[in-house]
């Protein structure tokens, strides 16, 4: 049984309109949030996944080449009969001595 109640029809229209407005506000909020998040990430100076993968591949290739060259140098040293010397580390610098009066305040 259907009734012709104008109040209920108007109430349904208002509710439908309110849901439409809420959906629109949600979409605008998502767009705004996405824009702010993208701006935040660009300000952080992060790299993209493609750039990261490219640098990772370059590093792996350089590491492989370094290991190949290391083996080649070891083979050449063995052929020449030279003893294998460990890599020398650079000498550490000593810190400059602190003057005893550097932190003292002047007495007047």
PDB file of N, CA and C in Angstrom:
ATOM      1  N   UNK A   1       0.835  -1.154   0.000  1.00  0.00           N
ATOM      2  CA  UNK A   1       0.000   0.000   0.000  1.00  0.00           C
ATOM      3  C   UNK A   1       0.898   1.241   0.000  1.00  0.00           C
ATOM      4  N   UNK A   2       0.675   2.100  -0.930  1.00  0.00           N
ATOM      5  CA  UNK A   2       1.490   3.281  -1.123  1.00  0.00           C
ATOM      6  C   UNK A   2       0.704   4.511  -0.682  1.00  0.00           C
ATOM      7  N   UNK A   3       1.399   5.393   0.013  1.00  0.00           N
ATOM      8  CA  UNK A   3       0.713   6.608   0.452  1.00  0.00           C
ATOM      9  C   UNK A   3       1.352   7.799  -0.236  1.00  0.00           C
ATOM     10  N   UNK A   4       0.584   8.839  -0.398  1.00  0.00           N
ATOM     11  CA  UNK A   4       1.084  10.066  -1.001  1.00  0.00           C
ATOM     12  C   UNK A   4       1.364  11.068   0.109  1.00  0.00           C
ATOM     13  N   UNK A   5       2.452  10.826   0.805  1.00  0.00           N
ATOM     14  CA  UNK A   5       2.814  11.713   1.892  1.00  0.00           C
ATOM     15  C   UNK A   5       3.907  12.646   1.382  1.00  0.00           C
ATOM     16  N   UNK A   6       3.579  13.895   1.215  1.00  0.00           N
ATOM     17  CA  UNK A   6       4.499  14.875   0.652  1.00  0.00           C
ATOM     18  C   UNK A   6       5.692  15.104   1.589  1.00  0.00           C
ATOM     19  N   UNK A   7       5.471  15.055   2.887  1.00  0.00           N
ATOM     20  CA  UNK A   7       6.552  15.266   3.856  1.00  0.00           C
ATOM     21  C   UNK A   7       7.637  14.200   3.705  1.00  0.00           C
ATOM     22  N   UNK A   8       7.227  12.931   3.563  1.00  0.00           N
ATOM     23  CA  UNK A   8       8.209  11.853   3.415  1.00  0.00           C
ATOM     24  C   UNK A   8       8.952  11.957   2.084  1.00  0.00           C
ATOM     25  N   UNK A   9       8.261  12.374   1.030  1.00  0.00           N
ATOM     26  CA  UNK A   9       8.923  12.549  -0.265  1.00  0.00           C
ATOM     27  C   UNK A   9       9.975  13.664  -0.185  1.00  0.00           C
ATOM     28  N   UNK A  10       9.604  14.770   0.451  1.00  0.00           N
ATOM     29  CA  UNK A  10      10.561  15.874   0.604  1.00  0.00           C
ATOM     30  C   UNK A  10      11.741  15.474   1.478  1.00  0.00           C
ATOM     31  N   UNK A  11      11.470  14.729   2.516  1.00  0.00           N
ATOM     32  CA  UNK A  11      12.531  14.256   3.396  1.00  0.00           C
ATOM     33  C   UNK A  11      13.491  13.330   2.644  1.00  0.00           C
ATOM     34  N   UNK A  12      12.973  12.468   1.792  1.00  0.00           N
ATOM     35  CA  UNK A  12      13.798  11.565   0.990  1.00  0.00           C
ATOM     36  C   UNK A  12      14.654  12.354   0.006  1.00  0.00           C
ATOM     37  N   UNK A  13      14.073  13.404  -0.598  1.00  0.00           N
ATOM     38  CA  UNK A  13      14.833  14.233  -1.542  1.00  0.00           C
ATOM     39  C   UNK A  13      15.967  14.967  -0.823  1.00  0.00           C
ATOM     40  N   UNK A  14      15.684  15.482   0.357  1.00  0.00           N
ATOM     41  CA  UNK A  14      16.711  16.191   1.129  1.00  0.00           C
ATOM     42  C   UNK A  14      17.837  15.230   1.520  1.00  0.00           C
ATOM     43  N   UNK A  15      17.464  14.029   1.939  1.00  0.00           N
ATOM     44  CA  UNK A  15      18.476  13.039   2.323  1.00  0.00           C
ATOM     45  C   UNK A  15      19.329  12.654   1.122  1.00  0.00           C
ATOM     46  N   UNK A  16      18.696  12.470  -0.036  1.00  0.00           N
ATOM     47  CA  UNK A  16      19.436  12.120  -1.255  1.00  0.00           C
ATOM     48  C   UNK A  16      20.382  13.254  -1.636  1.00  0.00           C
ATOM     49  N   UNK A  17      19.909  14.486  -1.551  1.00  0.00           N
ATOM     50  CA  UNK A  17      20.757  15.640  -1.855  1.00  0.00           C
ATOM     51  C   UNK A  17      21.920  15.757  -0.884  1.00  0.00           C
ATOM     52  N   UNK A  18      21.662  15.500   0.386  1.00  0.00           N
ATOM     53  CA  UNK A  18      22.721  15.582   1.396  1.00  0.00           C
ATOM     54  C   UNK A  18      23.781  14.522   1.149  1.00  0.00           C
ATOM     55  N   UNK A  19      23.363  13.333   0.760  1.00  0.00           N
ATOM     56  CA  UNK A  19      24.335  12.275   0.459  1.00  0.00           C
ATOM     57  C   UNK A  19      25.174  12.641  -0.765  1.00  0.00           C
ATOM     58  N   UNK A  20      24.549  13.277  -1.743  1.00  0.00           N
ATOM     59  CA  UNK A  20      25.291  13.722  -2.925  1.00  0.00           C
ATOM     60  C   UNK A  20      26.325  14.770  -2.576  1.00  0.00           C
ATOM     61  N   UNK A  21      25.939  15.713  -1.721  1.00  0.00           N
ATOM     62  CA  UNK A  21      26.872  16.753  -1.280  1.00  0.00           C
ATOM     63  C   UNK A  21      28.004  16.130  -0.474  1.00  0.00           C
ATOM     64  N   UNK A  22      27.676  15.189   0.402  1.00  0.00           N
ATOM     65  CA  UNK A  22      28.704  14.532   1.209  1.00  0.00           C
ATOM     66  C   UNK A  22      29.686  13.769   0.324  1.00  0.00           C
ATOM     67  N   UNK A  23      29.182  13.121  -0.718  1.00  0.00           N
ATOM     68  CA  UNK A  23      30.060  12.387  -1.637  1.00  0.00           C
ATOM     69  C   UNK A  23      30.971  13.361  -2.383  1.00  0.00           C
ATOM     70  N   UNK A  24      30.426  14.513  -2.774  1.00  0.00           N
ATOM     71  CA  UNK A  24      31.236  15.525  -3.449  1.00  0.00           C
ATOM     72  C   UNK A  24      32.310  16.087  -2.537  1.00  0.00           C
ATOM     73  N   UNK A  25      31.955  16.342  -1.287  1.00  0.00           N
ATOM     74  CA  UNK A  25      32.935  16.846  -0.324  1.00  0.00           C
ATOM     75  C   UNK A  25      34.022  15.808  -0.079  1.00  0.00           C
ATOM     76  N   UNK A  26      33.641  14.551  -0.040  1.00  0.00           N
ATOM     77  CA  UNK A  26      34.625  13.476   0.159  1.00  0.00           C
ATOM     78  C   UNK A  26      35.601  13.439  -1.007  1.00  0.00           C
ATOM     79  N   UNK A  27      35.083  13.563  -2.227  1.00  0.00           N
ATOM     80  CA  UNK A  27      35.952  13.542  -3.412  1.00  0.00           C
ATOM     81  C   UNK A  27      36.909  14.736  -3.392  1.00  0.00           C
ATOM     82  N   UNK A  28      36.399  15.924  -3.034  1.00  0.00           N
ATOM     83  CA  UNK A  28      37.259  17.104  -2.958  1.00  0.00           C
ATOM     84  C   UNK A  28      38.330  16.943  -1.880  1.00  0.00           C
ATOM     85  N   UNK A  29      37.950  16.371  -0.750  1.00  0.00           N
ATOM     86  CA  UNK A  29      38.912  16.157   0.326  1.00  0.00           C
ATOM     87  C   UNK A  29      39.995  15.175  -0.106  1.00  0.00           C
ATOM     88  N   UNK A  30      39.625  14.145  -0.833  1.00  0.00           N
ATOM     89  CA  UNK A  30      40.620  13.175  -1.317  1.00  0.00           C
ATOM     90  C   UNK A  30      41.592  13.832  -2.285  1.00  0.00           C
ATOM     91  N   UNK A  31      41.069  14.661  -3.194  1.00  0.00           N
ATOM     92  CA  UNK A  31      41.922  15.345  -4.163  1.00  0.00           C
ATOM     93  C   UNK A  31      42.887  16.283  -3.439  1.00  0.00           C
ATOM     94  N   UNK A  32      42.360  17.053  -2.494  1.00  0.00           N
ATOM     95  CA  UNK A  32      43.204  17.984  -1.736  1.00  0.00           C
ATOM     96  C   UNK A  32      44.266  17.237  -0.938  1.00  0.00           C
ATOM     97  N   UNK A  33      43.885  16.163  -0.296  1.00  0.00           N
ATOM     98  CA  UNK A  33      44.829  15.374   0.488  1.00  0.00           C
ATOM     99  C   UNK A  33      45.908  14.763  -0.406  1.00  0.00           C
ATOM    100  N   UNK A  34      45.511  14.266  -1.557  1.00  0.00           N
ATOM    101  CA  UNK A  34      46.476  13.685  -2.501  1.00  0.00           C
ATOM    102  C   UNK A  34      47.462  14.749  -2.982  1.00  0.00           C
ATOM    103  N   UNK A  35      46.964  15.958  -3.297  1.00  0.00           N
ATOM    104  CA  UNK A  35      47.846  17.030  -3.748  1.00  0.00           C
ATOM    105  C   UNK A  35      48.844  17.423  -2.657  1.00  0.00           C
ATOM    106  N   UNK A  36      48.371  17.536  -1.441  1.00  0.00           N
ATOM    107  CA  UNK A  36      49.270  17.907  -0.339  1.00  0.00           C
ATOM    108  C   UNK A  36      50.306  16.818  -0.076  1.00  0.00           C
ATOM    109  N   UNK A  37      49.878  15.563  -0.170  1.00  0.00           N
ATOM    110  CA  UNK A  37      50.805  14.452   0.048  1.00  0.00           C
ATOM    111  C   UNK A  37      51.860  14.413  -1.045  1.00  0.00           C
ATOM    112  N   UNK A  38      51.447  14.638  -2.295  1.00  0.00           N
ATOM    113  CA  UNK A  38      52.413  14.660  -3.403  1.00  0.00           C
ATOM    114  C   UNK A  38      53.383  15.821  -3.241  1.00  0.00           C
ATOM    115  N   UNK A  39      52.891  16.986  -2.803  1.00  0.00           N
ATOM    116  CA  UNK A  39      53.768  18.132  -2.574  1.00  0.00           C
ATOM    117  C   UNK A  39      54.756  17.829  -1.445  1.00  0.00           C
ATOM    118  N   UNK A  40      54.274  17.179  -0.390  1.00  0.00           N
ATOM    119  CA  UNK A  40      55.141  16.807   0.729  1.00  0.00           C
ATOM    120  C   UNK A  40      56.242  15.862   0.259  1.00  0.00           C
ATOM    121  N   UNK A  41      55.880  14.865  -0.547  1.00  0.00           N
ATOM    122  CA  UNK A  41      56.879  13.916  -1.041  1.00  0.00           C
ATOM    123  C   UNK A  41      57.878  14.594  -1.973  1.00  0.00           C
ATOM    124  N   UNK A  42      57.416  15.521  -2.800  1.00  0.00           N
ATOM    125  CA  UNK A  42      58.347  16.208  -3.701  1.00  0.00           C
ATOM    126  C   UNK A  42      59.279  17.115  -2.910  1.00  0.00           C
ATOM    127  N   UNK A  43      58.784  17.706  -1.815  1.00  0.00           N
ATOM    128  CA  UNK A  43      59.647  18.529  -0.967  1.00  0.00           C
ATOM    129  C   UNK A  43      60.669  17.687  -0.216  1.00  0.00           C
ATOM    130  N   UNK A  44      60.371  16.420   0.019  1.00  0.00           N
ATOM    131  CA  UNK A  44      61.295  15.534   0.723  1.00  0.00           C
ATOM    132  C   UNK A  44      62.453  15.111  -0.175  1.00  0.00           C
ATOM    133  N   UNK A  45      62.383  15.412  -1.458  1.00  0.00           N
ATOM    134  CA  UNK A  45      63.435  15.095  -2.418  1.00  0.00           C
ATOM    135  C   UNK A  45      63.705  13.594  -2.457  1.00  0.00           C
ATOM    136  N   UNK A  46      62.641  12.809  -2.533  1.00  0.00           N
ATOM    137  CA  UNK A  46      62.765  11.367  -2.627  1.00  0.00           C
ATOM    138  C   UNK A  46      62.919  10.966  -4.088  1.00  0.00           C
ATOM    139  N   UNK A  47      63.493   9.807  -4.321  1.00  0.00           N
ATOM    140  CA  UNK A  47      63.652   9.323  -5.681  1.00  0.00           C
ATOM    141  C   UNK A  47      62.483   8.407  -6.028  1.00  0.00           C
ATOM    142  N   UNK A  48      62.244   8.311  -7.329  1.00  0.00           N
ATOM    143  CA  UNK A  48      61.183   7.412  -7.767  1.00  0.00           C
ATOM    144  C   UNK A  48      61.708   5.975  -7.750  1.00  0.00           C
ATOM    145  N   UNK A  49      60.815   5.039  -7.836  1.00  0.00           N
ATOM    146  CA  UNK A  49      61.194   3.630  -7.823  1.00  0.00           C
ATOM    147  C   UNK A  49      62.057   3.295  -9.031  1.00  0.00           C
ATOM    148  N   UNK A  50      61.730   3.886 -10.192  1.00  0.00           N
ATOM    149  CA  UNK A  50      62.514   3.635 -11.402  1.00  0.00           C
ATOM    150  C   UNK A  50      63.953   4.117 -11.239  1.00  0.00           C
ATOM    151  N   UNK A  51      64.119   5.318 -10.667  1.00  0.00           N
ATOM    152  CA  UNK A  51      65.466   5.835 -10.447  1.00  0.00           C
ATOM    153  C   UNK A  51      66.236   4.964  -9.466  1.00  0.00           C
ATOM    154  N   UNK A  52      65.557   4.529  -8.413  1.00  0.00           N
ATOM    155  CA  UNK A  52      66.198   3.667  -7.419  1.00  0.00           C
ATOM    156  C   UNK A  52      66.651   2.356  -8.049  1.00  0.00           C
ATOM    157  N   UNK A  53      65.774   1.739  -8.853  1.00  0.00           N
ATOM    158  CA  UNK A  53      66.127   0.475  -9.496  1.00  0.00           C
ATOM    159  C   UNK A  53      67.289   0.651 -10.468  1.00  0.00           C
ATOM    160  N   UNK A  54      67.326   1.784 -11.179  1.00  0.00           N
ATOM    161  CA  UNK A  54      68.419   2.038 -12.119  1.00  0.00           C
ATOM    162  C   UNK A  54      69.753   2.175 -11.379  1.00  0.00           C
ATOM    163  N   UNK A  55      69.759   2.920 -10.279  1.00  0.00           N
ATOM    164  CA  UNK A  55      71.001   3.097  -9.503  1.00  0.00           C
ATOM    165  C   UNK A  55      71.411   1.785  -8.850  1.00  0.00           C
ATOM    166  N   UNK A  56      70.432   1.004  -8.414  1.00  0.00           N
ATOM    167  CA  UNK A  56      70.729  -0.295  -7.816  1.00  0.00           C
ATOM    168  C   UNK A  56      71.384  -1.224  -8.838  1.00  0.00           C
ATOM    169  N   UNK A  57      70.881  -1.210 -10.068  1.00  0.00           N
ATOM    170  CA  UNK A  57      71.473  -2.033 -11.130  1.00  0.00           C
ATOM    171  C   UNK A  57      72.889  -1.555 -11.456  1.00  0.00           C
ATOM    172  N   UNK A  58      73.089  -0.232 -11.479  1.00  0.00           N
ATOM    173  CA  UNK A  58      74.429   0.306 -11.745  1.00  0.00           C
ATOM    174  C   UNK A  58      75.398  -0.092 -10.642  1.00  0.00           C
ATOM    175  N   UNK A  59      74.945  -0.060  -9.399  1.00  0.00           N
ATOM    176  CA  UNK A  59      75.811  -0.434  -8.282  1.00  0.00           C
ATOM    177  C   UNK A  59      76.163  -1.912  -8.339  1.00  0.00           C
ATOM    178  N   UNK A  60      75.195  -2.751  -8.702  1.00  0.00           N
ATOM    179  CA  UNK A  60      75.462  -4.185  -8.815  1.00  0.00           C
ATOM    180  C   UNK A  60      76.464  -4.465  -9.931  1.00  0.00           C
ATOM    181  N   UNK A  61      76.318  -3.759 -11.044  1.00  0.00           N
ATOM    182  CA  UNK A  61      77.253  -3.932 -12.160  1.00  0.00           C
ATOM    183  C   UNK A  61      78.655  -3.464 -11.764  1.00  0.00           C
ATOM    184  N   UNK A  62      78.744  -2.343 -11.059  1.00  0.00           N
ATOM    185  CA  UNK A  62      80.042  -1.837 -10.627  1.00  0.00           C
ATOM    186  C   UNK A  62      80.691  -2.793  -9.640  1.00  0.00           C
ATOM    187  N   UNK A  63      79.891  -3.371  -8.749  1.00  0.00           N
ATOM    188  CA  UNK A  63      80.420  -4.339  -7.780  1.00  0.00           C
ATOM    189  C   UNK A  63      80.948  -5.581  -8.485  1.00  0.00           C
ATOM    190  N   UNK A  64      80.201  -6.066  -9.477  1.00  0.00           N
ATOM    191  CA  UNK A  64      80.639  -7.247 -10.228  1.00  0.00           C
ATOM    192  C   UNK A  64      81.937  -6.949 -10.978  1.00  0.00           C
ATOM    193  N   UNK A  65      82.026  -5.765 -11.582  1.00  0.00           N
ATOM    194  CA  UNK A  65      83.238  -5.387 -12.307  1.00  0.00           C
ATOM    195  C   UNK A  65      84.420  -5.255 -11.336  1.00  0.00           C
ATOM    196  N   UNK A  66      84.178  -4.703 -10.163  1.00  0.00           N
ATOM    197  CA  UNK A  66      85.233  -4.550  -9.170  1.00  0.00           C
ATOM    198  C   UNK A  66      85.757  -5.909  -8.721  1.00  0.00           C
ATOM    199  N   UNK A  67      84.856  -6.860  -8.513  1.00  0.00           N
ATOM    200  CA  UNK A  67      85.275  -8.200  -8.113  1.00  0.00           C
ATOM    201  C   UNK A  67      86.061  -8.888  -9.228  1.00  0.00           C
ATOM    202  N   UNK A  68      85.638  -8.695 -10.474  1.00  0.00           N
ATOM    203  CA  UNK A  68      86.362  -9.269 -11.612  1.00  0.00           C
ATOM    204  C   UNK A  68      87.762  -8.678 -11.693  1.00  0.00           C
ATOM    205  N   UNK A  69      87.870  -7.372 -11.529  1.00  0.00           N
ATOM    206  CA  UNK A  69      89.180  -6.729 -11.583  1.00  0.00           C
ATOM    207  C   UNK A  69      90.064  -7.153 -10.410  1.00  0.00           C
ATOM    208  N   UNK A  70      89.463  -7.371  -9.257  1.00  0.00           N
ATOM    209  CA  UNK A  70      90.215  -7.833  -8.099  1.00  0.00           C
ATOM    210  C   UNK A  70      90.829  -9.206  -8.377  1.00  0.00           C
ATOM    211  N   UNK A  71      90.048 -10.100  -8.953  1.00  0.00           N
ATOM    212  CA  UNK A  71      90.557 -11.433  -9.289  1.00  0.00           C
ATOM    213  C   UNK A  71      91.650 -11.347 -10.346  1.00  0.00           C
ATOM    214  N   UNK A  72      91.466 -10.452 -11.294  1.00  0.00           N
ATOM    215  CA  UNK A  72      92.459 -10.301 -12.363  1.00  0.00           C
ATOM    216  C   UNK A  72      93.776  -9.772 -11.798  1.00  0.00           C
ATOM    217  N   UNK A  73      93.706  -8.794 -10.904  1.00  0.00           N
ATOM    218  CA  UNK A  73      94.920  -8.254 -10.285  1.00  0.00           C
ATOM    219  C   UNK A  73      95.608  -9.324  -9.447  1.00  0.00           C
ATOM    220  N   UNK A  74      94.834 -10.118  -8.716  1.00  0.00           N
ATOM    221  CA  UNK A  74      95.420 -11.192  -7.910  1.00  0.00           C
ATOM    222  C   UNK A  74      96.114 -12.212  -8.806  1.00  0.00           C
ATOM    223  N   UNK A  75      95.511 -12.530  -9.950  1.00  0.00           N
ATOM    224  CA  UNK A  75      96.130 -13.482 -10.878  1.00  0.00           C
ATOM    225  C   UNK A  75      97.416 -12.906 -11.463  1.00  0.00           C
ATOM    226  N   UNK A  76      97.412 -11.630 -11.791  1.00  0.00           N
ATOM    227  CA  UNK A  76      98.623 -10.993 -12.332  1.00  0.00           C
ATOM    228  C   UNK A  76      99.725 -10.924 -11.284  1.00  0.00           C
ATOM    229  N   UNK A  77      99.360 -10.627 -10.045  1.00  0.00           N
ATOM    230  CA  UNK A  77     100.357 -10.600  -8.978  1.00  0.00           C
ATOM    231  C   UNK A  77     100.933 -11.985  -8.737  1.00  0.00           C
ATOM    232  N   UNK A  78     100.090 -12.999  -8.808  1.00  0.00           N
ATOM    233  CA  UNK A  78     100.573 -14.367  -8.632  1.00  0.00           C
ATOM    234  C   UNK A  78     101.509 -14.751  -9.775  1.00  0.00           C
ATOM    235  N   UNK A  79     101.200 -14.326 -10.991  1.00  0.00           N
ATOM    236  CA  UNK A  79     102.042 -14.635 -12.147  1.00  0.00           C
ATOM    237  C   UNK A  79     103.390 -13.931 -12.042  1.00  0.00           C
ATOM    238  N   UNK A  80     103.416 -12.748 -11.472  1.00  0.00           N
ATOM    239  CA  UNK A  80     104.673 -12.015 -11.311  1.00  0.00           C
ATOM    240  C   UNK A  80     105.444 -12.470 -10.083  1.00  0.00           C
ATOM    241  N   UNK A  81     104.790 -13.221  -9.218  1.00  0.00           N
ATOM    242  CA  UNK A  81     105.445 -13.718  -8.023  1.00  0.00           C
ATOM    243  C   UNK A  81     105.544 -12.686  -6.926  1.00  0.00           C
ATOM    244  N   UNK A  82     104.723 -11.667  -6.962  1.00  0.00           N
ATOM    245  CA  UNK A  82     104.743 -10.641  -5.928  1.00  0.00           C
ATOM    246  C   UNK A  82     103.867 -11.079  -4.764  1.00  0.00           C
ATOM    247  N   UNK A  83     104.338 -10.811  -3.553  1.00  0.00           N
ATOM    248  CA  UNK A  83     103.493 -11.158  -2.408  1.00  0.00           C
ATOM    249  C   UNK A  83     102.269 -10.248  -2.364  1.00  0.00           C
ATOM    250  N   UNK A  84     101.214 -10.807  -1.891  1.00  0.00           N
ATOM    251  CA  UNK A  84      99.976 -10.041  -1.809  1.00  0.00           C
ATOM    252  C   UNK A  84     100.031  -9.168  -0.567  1.00  0.00           C
ATOM    253  N   UNK A  85      99.903  -7.857  -0.747  1.00  0.00           N
ATOM    254  CA  UNK A  85      99.927  -6.919   0.364  1.00  0.00           C
ATOM    255  C   UNK A  85      98.502  -6.496   0.686  1.00  0.00           C
ATOM    256  N   UNK A  86      98.206  -6.412   1.966  1.00  0.00           N
ATOM    257  CA  UNK A  86      96.868  -5.917   2.308  1.00  0.00           C
ATOM    258  C   UNK A  86      96.745  -4.450   1.940  1.00  0.00           C
ATOM    259  N   UNK A  87      95.552  -4.026   1.654  1.00  0.00           N
ATOM    260  CA  UNK A  87      95.318  -2.631   1.299  1.00  0.00           C
ATOM    261  C   UNK A  87      95.671  -1.751   2.487  1.00  0.00           C
ATOM    262  N   UNK A  88      96.372  -0.678   2.210  1.00  0.00           N
ATOM    263  CA  UNK A  88      96.775   0.234   3.273  1.00  0.00           C
ATOM    264  C   UNK A  88      95.671   1.247   3.515  1.00  0.00           C
ATOM    265  N   UNK A  89      95.424   1.482   4.787  1.00  0.00           N
ATOM    266  CA  UNK A  89      94.430   2.480   5.141  1.00  0.00           C
ATOM    267  C   UNK A  89      95.119   3.829   5.266  1.00  0.00           C
ATOM    268  N   UNK A  90      94.388   4.857   4.967  1.00  0.00           N
ATOM    269  CA  UNK A  90      94.920   6.208   5.112  1.00  0.00           C
ATOM    270  C   UNK A  90      95.122   6.488   6.595  1.00  0.00           C
ATOM    271  N   UNK A  91      96.225   7.162   6.949  1.00  0.00           N
ATOM    272  CA  UNK A  91      96.457   7.453   8.370  1.00  0.00           C
ATOM    273  C   UNK A  91      95.367   8.382   8.902  1.00  0.00           C
ATOM    274  N   UNK A  92      94.996   8.137  10.140  1.00  0.00           N
ATOM    275  CA  UNK A  92      93.965   8.969  10.762  1.00  0.00           C
ATOM    276  C   UNK A  92      94.582  10.271  11.224  1.00  0.00           C
ATOM    277  N   UNK A  93      93.860  11.323  11.045  1.00  0.00           N
ATOM    278  CA  UNK A  93      94.338  12.622  11.510  1.00  0.00           C
ATOM    279  C   UNK A  93      94.015  12.768  12.988  1.00  0.00           C
ATOM    280  N   UNK A  94      94.942  13.370  13.666  1.00  0.00           N
ATOM    281  CA  UNK A  94      94.714  13.630  15.077  1.00  0.00           C
ATOM    282  C   UNK A  94      93.965  14.952  15.204  1.00  0.00           C
ATOM    283  N   UNK A  95      93.076  14.996  16.157  1.00  0.00           N
ATOM    284  CA  UNK A  95      92.326  16.227  16.394  1.00  0.00           C
ATOM    285  C   UNK A  95      93.261  17.284  16.953  1.00  0.00           C
ATOM    286  N   UNK A  96      93.001  18.521  16.599  1.00  0.00           N
ATOM    287  CA  UNK A  96      93.816  19.624  17.093  1.00  0.00           C
ATOM    288  C   UNK A  96      93.639  19.724  18.602  1.00  0.00           C
ATOM    289  N   UNK A  97      94.742  19.931  19.330  1.00  0.00           N
ATOM    290  CA  UNK A  97      94.609  20.024  20.796  1.00  0.00           C
ATOM    291  C   UNK A  97      93.787  21.243  21.165  1.00  0.00           C
ATOM    292  N   UNK A  98      92.968  21.058  22.178  1.00  0.00           N
ATOM    293  CA  UNK A  98      92.126  22.158  22.643  1.00  0.00           C
ATOM    294  C   UNK A  98      92.940  23.014  23.603  1.00  0.00           C
ATOM    295  N   UNK A  99      92.783  24.304  23.467  1.00  0.00           N
ATOM    296  CA  UNK A  99      93.510  25.186  24.373  1.00  0.00           C
ATOM    297  C   UNK A  99      92.773  25.216  25.705  1.00  0.00           C
ATOM    298  N   UNK A 100      93.500  25.235  26.820  1.00  0.00           N
ATOM    299  CA  UNK A 100      92.844  25.187  28.132  1.00  0.00           C
ATOM    300  C   UNK A 100      91.952  26.390  28.397  1.00  0.00           C
ATOM    301  N   UNK A 101      92.231  27.510  27.745  1.00  0.00           N
ATOM    302  CA  UNK A 101      91.430  28.707  28.027  1.00  0.00           C
ATOM    303  C   UNK A 101      90.289  28.861  27.027  1.00  0.00           C
ATOM    304  N   UNK A 102      90.069  27.872  26.160  1.00  0.00           N
ATOM    305  CA  UNK A 102      89.030  28.000  25.143  1.00  0.00           C
ATOM    306  C   UNK A 102      87.646  28.098  25.750  1.00  0.00           C
ATOM    307  N   UNK A 103      87.384  27.362  26.827  1.00  0.00           N
ATOM    308  CA  UNK A 103      86.058  27.384  27.431  1.00  0.00           C
ATOM    309  C   UNK A 103      85.961  28.301  28.620  1.00  0.00           C
ATOM    310  N   UNK A 104      87.095  28.869  29.058  1.00  0.00           N
ATOM    311  CA  UNK A 104      87.088  29.706  30.263  1.00  0.00           C
ATOM    312  C   UNK A 104      86.545  31.086  29.940  1.00  0.00           C
ATOM    313  N   UNK A 105      85.846  31.671  30.889  1.00  0.00           N
ATOM    314  CA  UNK A 105      85.313  33.011  30.726  1.00  0.00           C
ATOM    315  C   UNK A 105      86.320  34.008  31.303  1.00  0.00           C
ATOM    316  N   UNK A 106      86.275  35.210  30.812  1.00  0.00           N
ATOM    317  CA  UNK A 106      87.184  36.251  31.305  1.00  0.00           C
ATOM    318  C   UNK A 106      86.687  36.773  32.645  1.00  0.00           C
ATOM    319  N   UNK A 107      87.637  36.932  33.567  1.00  0.00           N
ATOM    320  CA  UNK A 107      87.305  37.510  34.868  1.00  0.00           C
ATOM    321  C   UNK A 107      87.635  38.979  34.840  1.00  0.00           C
ATOM    322  N   UNK A 108      86.693  39.808  35.218  1.00  0.00           N
ATOM    323  CA  UNK A 108      86.956  41.251  35.234  1.00  0.00           C
ATOM    324  C   UNK A 108      86.812  41.781  36.615  1.00  0.00           C
TER     325      UNK A 108
END
